[in-house]
Amino acid sequence: MIEYSNLAACPFCGAGEFKLYDNTHWNGMRSVVISVVLNHLCLRCENGLQCDISFKAKTRKDVIDIWNKRIYENEKLG
């Protein structure tokens, strides 16, 4: 289960609404997660439009780390 409290809010719209999708593959005995996609619909992006922001990684932990790293790097720049 994902800990949504570990996800930083979006630096553009301030929202913390995310969806996680597991991409799975059936190996004949069970479904195996091959990647995870984090999706966020940003309602106030830099260009004034709605932006669909997505990141893909091998595990949920990795995709959360990528999202949070992106957020903190943007805060340092701004």
N, C-alpha and C. Protein backbone atom coordinates (compact mmCIF):
# COMPACT_ATOMS: atom_id res chain seq x y z
N MET A 1 0.85 -1.19 0.00
CA MET A 1 0.00 0.00 0.00
C MET A 1 0.88 1.24 0.00
N ILE A 2 0.47 2.25 -0.74
CA ILE A 2 1.26 3.46 -0.89
C ILE A 2 0.98 4.42 0.26
N GLU A 3 2.04 5.03 0.74
CA GLU A 3 1.92 6.07 1.76
C GLU A 3 1.85 7.41 1.05
N TYR A 4 0.66 7.95 0.85
CA TYR A 4 0.52 9.22 0.15
C TYR A 4 1.11 10.37 0.95
N SER A 5 1.27 10.19 2.26
CA SER A 5 1.88 11.25 3.07
C SER A 5 3.35 11.45 2.71
N ASN A 6 3.97 10.48 2.04
CA ASN A 6 5.36 10.59 1.62
C ASN A 6 5.51 11.42 0.35
N LEU A 7 4.42 11.73 -0.33
CA LEU A 7 4.47 12.49 -1.57
C LEU A 7 4.36 13.98 -1.29
N ALA A 8 5.29 14.76 -1.85
CA ALA A 8 5.23 16.21 -1.71
C ALA A 8 4.12 16.76 -2.61
N ALA A 9 3.54 17.88 -2.21
CA ALA A 9 2.51 18.52 -3.02
C ALA A 9 3.13 19.11 -4.28
N CYS A 10 2.34 19.29 -5.30
CA CYS A 10 2.80 19.86 -6.56
C CYS A 10 3.23 21.31 -6.33
N PRO A 11 4.41 21.72 -6.83
CA PRO A 11 4.86 23.10 -6.62
C PRO A 11 4.09 24.12 -7.45
N PHE A 12 3.36 23.68 -8.45
CA PHE A 12 2.64 24.60 -9.32
C PHE A 12 1.22 24.85 -8.83
N CYS A 13 0.50 23.80 -8.49
CA CYS A 13 -0.90 23.97 -8.10
C CYS A 13 -1.13 23.70 -6.61
N GLY A 14 -0.14 23.12 -5.92
CA GLY A 14 -0.26 22.84 -4.50
C GLY A 14 -1.10 21.62 -4.16
N ALA A 15 -1.60 20.96 -5.17
CA ALA A 15 -2.46 19.80 -4.94
C ALA A 15 -1.63 18.56 -4.64
N GLY A 16 -2.22 17.67 -3.93
CA GLY A 16 -1.57 16.41 -3.62
C GLY A 16 -2.38 15.24 -4.12
N GLU A 17 -3.05 15.41 -5.24
CA GLU A 17 -3.90 14.36 -5.79
C GLU A 17 -3.12 13.58 -6.84
N PHE A 18 -2.88 12.31 -6.54
CA PHE A 18 -2.06 11.46 -7.39
C PHE A 18 -2.76 10.15 -7.65
N LYS A 19 -2.38 9.52 -8.74
CA LYS A 19 -2.82 8.15 -9.02
C LYS A 19 -1.58 7.33 -9.34
N LEU A 20 -1.55 6.13 -8.82
CA LEU A 20 -0.46 5.21 -9.10
C LEU A 20 -1.02 4.02 -9.86
N TYR A 21 -0.36 3.67 -10.94
CA TYR A 21 -0.78 2.55 -11.77
C TYR A 21 0.35 1.53 -11.82
N ASP A 22 0.02 0.29 -11.49
CA ASP A 22 0.99 -0.79 -11.62
C ASP A 22 0.85 -1.41 -13.00
N ASN A 23 1.94 -1.45 -13.76
CA ASN A 23 1.97 -2.17 -15.03
C ASN A 23 2.44 -3.58 -14.71
N THR A 24 1.59 -4.54 -15.00
CA THR A 24 1.89 -5.92 -14.61
C THR A 24 2.02 -6.82 -15.83
N HIS A 25 2.64 -7.95 -15.58
CA HIS A 25 2.81 -8.98 -16.60
C HIS A 25 2.46 -10.32 -15.97
N TRP A 26 1.63 -11.08 -16.64
CA TRP A 26 1.25 -12.40 -16.15
C TRP A 26 2.32 -13.39 -16.59
N ASN A 27 2.98 -14.04 -15.64
CA ASN A 27 4.06 -14.96 -15.97
C ASN A 27 3.61 -16.42 -16.00
N GLY A 28 2.32 -16.65 -15.98
CA GLY A 28 1.79 -18.01 -16.01
C GLY A 28 1.35 -18.50 -14.65
N MET A 29 1.89 -17.90 -13.60
CA MET A 29 1.53 -18.29 -12.24
C MET A 29 0.98 -17.12 -11.42
N ARG A 30 1.47 -15.92 -11.73
CA ARG A 30 1.02 -14.74 -10.98
C ARG A 30 1.34 -13.48 -11.78
N SER A 31 0.73 -12.38 -11.36
CA SER A 31 1.04 -11.09 -11.98
C SER A 31 2.27 -10.51 -11.30
N VAL A 32 3.20 -10.04 -12.13
CA VAL A 32 4.43 -9.44 -11.64
C VAL A 32 4.43 -7.98 -12.04
N VAL A 33 4.70 -7.10 -11.09
CA VAL A 33 4.77 -5.67 -11.38
C VAL A 33 6.07 -5.41 -12.13
N ILE A 34 5.95 -4.83 -13.34
CA ILE A 34 7.16 -4.54 -14.12
C ILE A 34 7.50 -3.05 -14.08
N SER A 35 6.52 -2.19 -13.78
CA SER A 35 6.79 -0.77 -13.61
C SER A 35 5.59 -0.12 -12.93
N VAL A 36 5.83 1.09 -12.42
CA VAL A 36 4.79 1.85 -11.75
C VAL A 36 4.77 3.25 -12.35
N VAL A 37 3.58 3.76 -12.62
CA VAL A 37 3.42 5.11 -13.16
C VAL A 37 2.71 5.96 -12.12
N LEU A 38 3.30 7.13 -11.82
CA LEU A 38 2.67 8.11 -10.96
C LEU A 38 2.10 9.19 -11.87
N ASN A 39 0.83 9.51 -11.72
CA ASN A 39 0.16 10.47 -12.58
C ASN A 39 -0.45 11.58 -11.72
N HIS A 40 -0.24 12.83 -12.14
CA HIS A 40 -0.81 13.98 -11.44
C HIS A 40 -1.35 14.95 -12.49
N LEU A 41 -2.58 15.36 -12.35
CA LEU A 41 -3.17 16.37 -13.23
C LEU A 41 -3.00 17.72 -12.56
N CYS A 42 -2.07 18.52 -13.07
CA CYS A 42 -1.75 19.83 -12.51
C CYS A 42 -2.75 20.84 -13.05
N LEU A 43 -3.48 21.49 -12.18
CA LEU A 43 -4.52 22.42 -12.60
C LEU A 43 -4.00 23.83 -12.86
N ARG A 44 -2.77 24.11 -12.44
CA ARG A 44 -2.22 25.44 -12.67
C ARG A 44 -0.74 25.32 -13.05
N CYS A 45 -0.50 24.89 -14.23
CA CYS A 45 0.86 24.68 -14.70
C CYS A 45 1.45 26.01 -15.18
N GLU A 46 2.73 26.03 -15.48
CA GLU A 46 3.44 27.25 -15.87
C GLU A 46 2.81 27.91 -17.10
N ASN A 47 2.27 27.12 -18.01
CA ASN A 47 1.70 27.68 -19.24
C ASN A 47 0.23 28.05 -19.10
N GLY A 48 -0.33 27.93 -17.91
CA GLY A 48 -1.72 28.31 -17.67
C GLY A 48 -2.73 27.26 -18.07
N LEU A 49 -2.27 26.12 -18.54
CA LEU A 49 -3.16 25.04 -18.96
C LEU A 49 -3.10 23.89 -17.97
N GLN A 50 -4.01 22.97 -18.11
CA GLN A 50 -3.93 21.75 -17.33
C GLN A 50 -2.84 20.86 -17.91
N CYS A 51 -1.96 20.38 -17.07
CA CYS A 51 -0.88 19.51 -17.53
C CYS A 51 -0.99 18.16 -16.85
N ASP A 52 -0.80 17.13 -17.62
CA ASP A 52 -0.79 15.77 -17.10
C ASP A 52 0.68 15.40 -16.87
N ILE A 53 1.08 15.34 -15.60
CA ILE A 53 2.47 15.05 -15.24
C ILE A 53 2.56 13.58 -14.87
N SER A 54 3.46 12.86 -15.51
CA SER A 54 3.63 11.43 -15.24
C SER A 54 5.10 11.08 -15.08
N PHE A 55 5.36 10.16 -14.18
CA PHE A 55 6.69 9.60 -14.00
C PHE A 55 6.56 8.09 -13.97
N LYS A 56 7.56 7.39 -14.47
CA LYS A 56 7.55 5.94 -14.52
C LYS A 56 8.84 5.41 -13.89
N ALA A 57 8.72 4.36 -13.09
CA ALA A 57 9.89 3.73 -12.45
C ALA A 57 9.58 2.25 -12.22
N LYS A 58 10.56 1.53 -11.73
CA LYS A 58 10.39 0.09 -11.51
C LYS A 58 9.52 -0.23 -10.30
N THR A 59 9.63 0.59 -9.22
CA THR A 59 8.88 0.32 -7.99
C THR A 59 8.14 1.57 -7.54
N ARG A 60 7.20 1.39 -6.62
CA ARG A 60 6.48 2.53 -6.07
C ARG A 60 7.42 3.46 -5.30
N LYS A 61 8.33 2.89 -4.56
CA LYS A 61 9.30 3.70 -3.82
C LYS A 61 10.13 4.56 -4.77
N ASP A 62 10.59 3.96 -5.86
CA ASP A 62 11.40 4.70 -6.83
C ASP A 62 10.63 5.85 -7.48
N VAL A 63 9.38 5.62 -7.85
CA VAL A 63 8.60 6.67 -8.50
C VAL A 63 8.28 7.80 -7.52
N ILE A 64 8.07 7.48 -6.26
CA ILE A 64 7.85 8.51 -5.24
C ILE A 64 9.12 9.32 -5.03
N ASP A 65 10.26 8.64 -4.99
CA ASP A 65 11.54 9.35 -4.85
C ASP A 65 11.79 10.29 -6.02
N ILE A 66 11.46 9.85 -7.23
CA ILE A 66 11.62 10.69 -8.42
C ILE A 66 10.72 11.93 -8.31
N TRP A 67 9.46 11.73 -7.94
CA TRP A 67 8.53 12.85 -7.80
C TRP A 67 9.04 13.84 -6.75
N ASN A 68 9.40 13.34 -5.59
CA ASN A 68 9.85 14.23 -4.51
C ASN A 68 11.14 14.95 -4.87
N LYS A 69 12.05 14.28 -5.56
CA LYS A 69 13.29 14.92 -5.96
C LYS A 69 12.99 16.06 -6.94
N ARG A 70 12.08 15.85 -7.86
CA ARG A 70 11.69 16.88 -8.82
C ARG A 70 11.11 18.08 -8.10
N ILE A 71 10.28 17.85 -7.11
CA ILE A 71 9.64 18.93 -6.36
C ILE A 71 10.69 19.76 -5.64
N TYR A 72 11.60 19.10 -4.93
CA TYR A 72 12.58 19.84 -4.14
C TYR A 72 13.56 20.59 -5.04
N GLU A 73 13.90 20.06 -6.21
CA GLU A 73 14.78 20.77 -7.12
C GLU A 73 14.10 22.03 -7.65
N ASN A 74 12.79 21.96 -7.93
CA ASN A 74 12.06 23.14 -8.39
C ASN A 74 11.98 24.21 -7.31
N GLU A 75 11.85 23.80 -6.03
CA GLU A 75 11.79 24.77 -4.94
C GLU A 75 13.12 25.50 -4.81
N LYS A 76 14.23 24.81 -5.03
CA LYS A 76 15.56 25.42 -4.94
C LYS A 76 15.75 26.45 -6.05
N LEU A 77 15.20 26.16 -7.24
CA LEU A 77 15.35 27.07 -8.38
C LEU A 77 14.48 28.30 -8.24
N GLY A 78 13.31 28.13 -7.63
CA GLY A 78 12.33 29.22 -7.56
C GLY A 78 12.51 30.06 -6.39
